[in-house]
């Protein structure tokens, strides 16, 4: 899947539009975990700008784990971080995973059963295992990232839904 990553960033607007539609049907979501996109992942900045009413929690790598911080302004609150990913400043308020209503999750590939192929470090599987019961896990990707099988392993956390535009 890494070899299939495009050279130029794909247009995120169709995926962001699908996320907008999905969020309209989720009136109970107040805090949403989002992510800073790596090459080949959906850039969520347009989607985030459309929803100032939602508290956005961005992940920051701390050792082998992700911790989330509330970010009001991604342009000023995110800094260069681990693995070349923009991360929230450690000075921003932390929010436990148990207080997040839904997690938008990146990945290299997803399948129809909710399987997710990450980048191999297990950060999302570990944090999603601590999410509260009922918190939604939403895979976010481009249509070309949908595959017949991600060959999930027992420790892999499955998505409740995949949104690909």
Foldseek 3Di string as FASTA:
>chain_A
DVVPQDPDADDLVVLLVLVVVVVVVVVPFAEEEDEFDDRQFRHCPVSCVVCLRHFYWYWADDPLETWTFTDNDQVPQWDQHPPRTTGGDPPGHTDQLQPGQEYEDEAQAAEPVQFGHHPPSCHVLVRVVVYHPNRFYEYEHAPVRYDHDPPDDPSTDGGPYYGHD
